[in-house]
Amino acid sequence: MNDMELKASAQKNRLLALFLAGFLGLFGADRFYLGKWKSGVGKALTFGGLGIWWFIDCAAMLIDAFLHSLGRDTGFVKDARGLDLRYGLSMYRLKDGRLQRDWFTG
C-alpha cells in the first residue's frame, strides 16, 4: 500500500459520524467514533452538554459534509489524529466545476 492509500483507509466516514452525532450524540457516540474519547466521556456525562454541545456538533458535521459535497477537500471536523473525514452528503461531489464520484471510490 502506498502512503495515499494508507491515509484514505485510515480516514473515518463523515456520514457515519453525522449519523452518530444526530441519533446518539447526546451520549457522545460521535466523539468515541472519531477517537476523541475524553470529550466523548464528557459529552456523555453531561447528556450532550444539555443538548447544546449535541446541537453544535451536529451542525458542524452537517455543514462540513455539505461543503465537502461542494468540492472542499479539507474540513473543519477532524478525527483524533487530525485526519480529514471521507465522503459528503451525495454520491457525487462538485469539484473543479465537474462532478466526481464521492461514495464507493477505492
C-alpha atoms as a PDB file:
ATOM      1  CA  MET A   1       0.000   0.000   0.000  1.00  0.00           C
ATOM      2  CA  ASN A   2       1.307   3.421  -0.831  1.00  0.00           C
ATOM      3  CA  ASP A   3       1.059   6.409   1.508  1.00  0.00           C
ATOM      4  CA  MET A   4      -2.067   7.851  -0.174  1.00  0.00           C
ATOM      5  CA  GLU A   5      -3.977   4.553   0.048  1.00  0.00           C
ATOM      6  CA  LEU A   6      -2.961   4.136   3.677  1.00  0.00           C
ATOM      7  CA  LYS A   7      -4.232   7.620   4.551  1.00  0.00           C
ATOM      8  CA  ALA A   8      -7.522   7.036   2.697  1.00  0.00           C
ATOM      9  CA  SER A   9      -8.116   3.745   4.507  1.00  0.00           C
ATOM     10  CA  ALA A  10      -7.422   5.409   7.871  1.00  0.00           C
ATOM     11  CA  GLN A  11      -9.953   8.200   7.312  1.00  0.00           C
ATOM     12  CA  LYS A  12     -13.225   7.990   9.200  1.00  0.00           C
ATOM     13  CA  ASN A  13     -16.565   8.172   7.415  1.00  0.00           C
ATOM     14  CA  ARG A  14     -18.174  11.630   7.660  1.00  0.00           C
ATOM     15  CA  LEU A  15     -21.668  10.227   7.033  1.00  0.00           C
ATOM     16  CA  LEU A  16     -21.379   7.696   9.839  1.00  0.00           C
ATOM     17  CA  ALA A  17     -20.088  10.399  12.180  1.00  0.00           C
ATOM     18  CA  LEU A  18     -23.017  12.630  11.190  1.00  0.00           C
ATOM     19  CA  PHE A  19     -25.490   9.786  11.777  1.00  0.00           C
ATOM     20  CA  LEU A  20     -23.979   9.014  15.174  1.00  0.00           C
ATOM     21  CA  ALA A  21     -23.996  12.699  16.134  1.00  0.00           C
ATOM     22  CA  GLY A  22     -27.656  13.057  15.221  1.00  0.00           C
ATOM     23  CA  PHE A  23     -29.018   9.940  16.872  1.00  0.00           C
ATOM     24  CA  LEU A  24     -26.560   9.047  19.621  1.00  0.00           C
ATOM     25  CA  GLY A  25     -24.701  12.325  20.043  1.00  0.00           C
ATOM     26  CA  LEU A  26     -26.247  13.015  23.420  1.00  0.00           C
ATOM     27  CA  PHE A  27     -24.220  10.036  24.654  1.00  0.00           C
ATOM     28  CA  GLY A  28     -21.001  11.068  22.851  1.00  0.00           C
ATOM     29  CA  ALA A  29     -21.101   8.258  20.251  1.00  0.00           C
ATOM     30  CA  ASP A  30     -19.782  10.537  17.504  1.00  0.00           C
ATOM     31  CA  ARG A  31     -16.820  11.570  19.646  1.00  0.00           C
ATOM     32  CA  PHE A  32     -15.991   7.964  20.511  1.00  0.00           C
ATOM     33  CA  TYR A  33     -16.144   7.032  16.807  1.00  0.00           C
ATOM     34  CA  LEU A  34     -13.722   9.831  15.919  1.00  0.00           C
ATOM     35  CA  GLY A  35     -11.316   8.648  18.621  1.00  0.00           C
ATOM     36  CA  LYS A  36     -11.933  11.621  20.896  1.00  0.00           C
ATOM     37  CA  TRP A  37     -12.768   9.507  23.926  1.00  0.00           C
ATOM     38  CA  LYS A  38     -12.078  12.164  26.593  1.00  0.00           C
ATOM     39  CA  SER A  39     -14.569  14.612  25.124  1.00  0.00           C
ATOM     40  CA  GLY A  40     -16.890  11.643  24.426  1.00  0.00           C
ATOM     41  CA  VAL A  41     -16.980  10.826  28.143  1.00  0.00           C
ATOM     42  CA  GLY A  42     -17.604  14.491  28.961  1.00  0.00           C
ATOM     43  CA  LYS A  43     -20.366  14.710  26.407  1.00  0.00           C
ATOM     44  CA  ALA A  44     -21.993  11.529  27.716  1.00  0.00           C
ATOM     45  CA  LEU A  45     -21.820  12.623  31.360  1.00  0.00           C
ATOM     46  CA  THR A  46     -23.408  15.992  30.593  1.00  0.00           C
ATOM     47  CA  PHE A  47     -26.008  14.480  28.255  1.00  0.00           C
ATOM     48  CA  GLY A  48     -24.571  16.327  25.263  1.00  0.00           C
ATOM     49  CA  GLY A  49     -23.948  19.482  27.267  1.00  0.00           C
ATOM     50  CA  LEU A  50     -27.693  19.545  27.987  1.00  0.00           C
ATOM     51  CA  GLY A  51     -28.262  19.432  24.256  1.00  0.00           C
ATOM     52  CA  ILE A  52     -26.145  22.470  23.377  1.00  0.00           C
ATOM     53  CA  TRP A  53     -22.944  20.525  22.650  1.00  0.00           C
ATOM     54  CA  TRP A  54     -25.004  17.963  20.730  1.00  0.00           C
ATOM     55  CA  PHE A  55     -26.562  20.678  18.546  1.00  0.00           C
ATOM     56  CA  ILE A  56     -23.223  22.363  17.821  1.00  0.00           C
ATOM     57  CA  ASP A  57     -21.586  19.042  16.859  1.00  0.00           C
ATOM     58  CA  CYS A  58     -24.498  18.101  14.582  1.00  0.00           C
ATOM     59  CA  ALA A  59     -24.488  21.495  12.880  1.00  0.00           C
ATOM     60  CA  ALA A  60     -20.701  21.458  12.398  1.00  0.00           C
ATOM     61  CA  MET A  61     -20.741  17.973  10.870  1.00  0.00           C
ATOM     62  CA  LEU A  62     -23.684  18.780   8.605  1.00  0.00           C
ATOM     63  CA  ILE A  63     -22.055  21.984   7.315  1.00  0.00           C
ATOM     64  CA  ASP A  64     -18.744  20.163   6.879  1.00  0.00           C
ATOM     65  CA  ALA A  65     -20.420  17.370   4.863  1.00  0.00           C
ATOM     66  CA  PHE A  66     -22.282  19.940   2.737  1.00  0.00           C
ATOM     67  CA  LEU A  67     -19.082  21.869   1.976  1.00  0.00           C
ATOM     68  CA  HIS A  68     -17.274  18.626   1.093  1.00  0.00           C
ATOM     69  CA  SER A  69     -20.040  17.860  -1.424  1.00  0.00           C
ATOM     70  CA  LEU A  70     -19.405  21.271  -2.970  1.00  0.00           C
ATOM     71  CA  GLY A  71     -15.716  20.488  -3.530  1.00  0.00           C
ATOM     72  CA  ARG A  72     -13.913  21.434  -0.340  1.00  0.00           C
ATOM     73  CA  ASP A  73     -11.163  18.887   0.354  1.00  0.00           C
ATOM     74  CA  THR A  74     -10.269  19.814   3.918  1.00  0.00           C
ATOM     75  CA  GLY A  75     -12.938  20.023   6.558  1.00  0.00           C
ATOM     76  CA  PHE A  76     -13.021  21.609   9.975  1.00  0.00           C
ATOM     77  CA  VAL A  77     -14.222  18.389  11.635  1.00  0.00           C
ATOM     78  CA  LYS A  78     -11.246  16.072  12.150  1.00  0.00           C
ATOM     79  CA  ASP A  79     -10.676  12.791  13.938  1.00  0.00           C
ATOM     80  CA  ALA A  80      -8.394  12.405  16.972  1.00  0.00           C
ATOM     81  CA  ARG A  81      -5.312  12.053  14.747  1.00  0.00           C
ATOM     82  CA  GLY A  82      -6.113  15.263  12.860  1.00  0.00           C
ATOM     83  CA  LEU A  83      -7.161  13.483   9.659  1.00  0.00           C
ATOM     84  CA  ASP A  84      -9.983  14.757   7.484  1.00  0.00           C
ATOM     85  CA  LEU A  85     -13.127  12.671   7.203  1.00  0.00           C
ATOM     86  CA  ARG A  86     -14.247  10.948   3.998  1.00  0.00           C
ATOM     87  CA  TYR A  87     -17.442  11.368   1.967  1.00  0.00           C
ATOM     88  CA  GLY A  88     -20.050  14.078   1.632  1.00  0.00           C
ATOM     89  CA  LEU A  89     -23.835  14.143   1.515  1.00  0.00           C
ATOM     90  CA  SER A  90     -24.198  12.860  -2.040  1.00  0.00           C
ATOM     91  CA  MET A  91     -22.741  10.105  -4.235  1.00  0.00           C
ATOM     92  CA  TYR A  92     -21.143  12.715  -6.467  1.00  0.00           C
ATOM     93  CA  ARG A  93     -19.400  15.919  -5.444  1.00  0.00           C
ATOM     94  CA  LEU A  94     -18.760  19.082  -7.386  1.00  0.00           C
ATOM     95  CA  LYS A  95     -15.002  19.503  -7.740  1.00  0.00           C
ATOM     96  CA  ASP A  96     -13.297  21.951 -10.127  1.00  0.00           C
ATOM     97  CA  GLY A  97     -16.563  22.521 -11.976  1.00  0.00           C
ATOM     98  CA  ARG A  98     -17.142  18.794 -12.645  1.00  0.00           C
ATOM     99  CA  LEU A  99     -18.981  16.038 -10.877  1.00  0.00           C
ATOM    100  CA  GLN A 100     -16.751  13.370  -9.341  1.00  0.00           C
ATOM    101  CA  ARG A 101     -17.716  10.168  -7.577  1.00  0.00           C
ATOM    102  CA  ASP A 102     -17.538  10.510  -3.831  1.00  0.00           C
ATOM    103  CA  TRP A 103     -19.081   7.394  -2.392  1.00  0.00           C
ATOM    104  CA  PHE A 104     -17.877   3.929  -3.371  1.00  0.00           C
ATOM    105  CA  THR A 105     -14.497   5.162  -4.512  1.00  0.00           C
ATOM    106  CA  GLY A 106     -11.459   2.973  -3.898  1.00  0.00           C
END
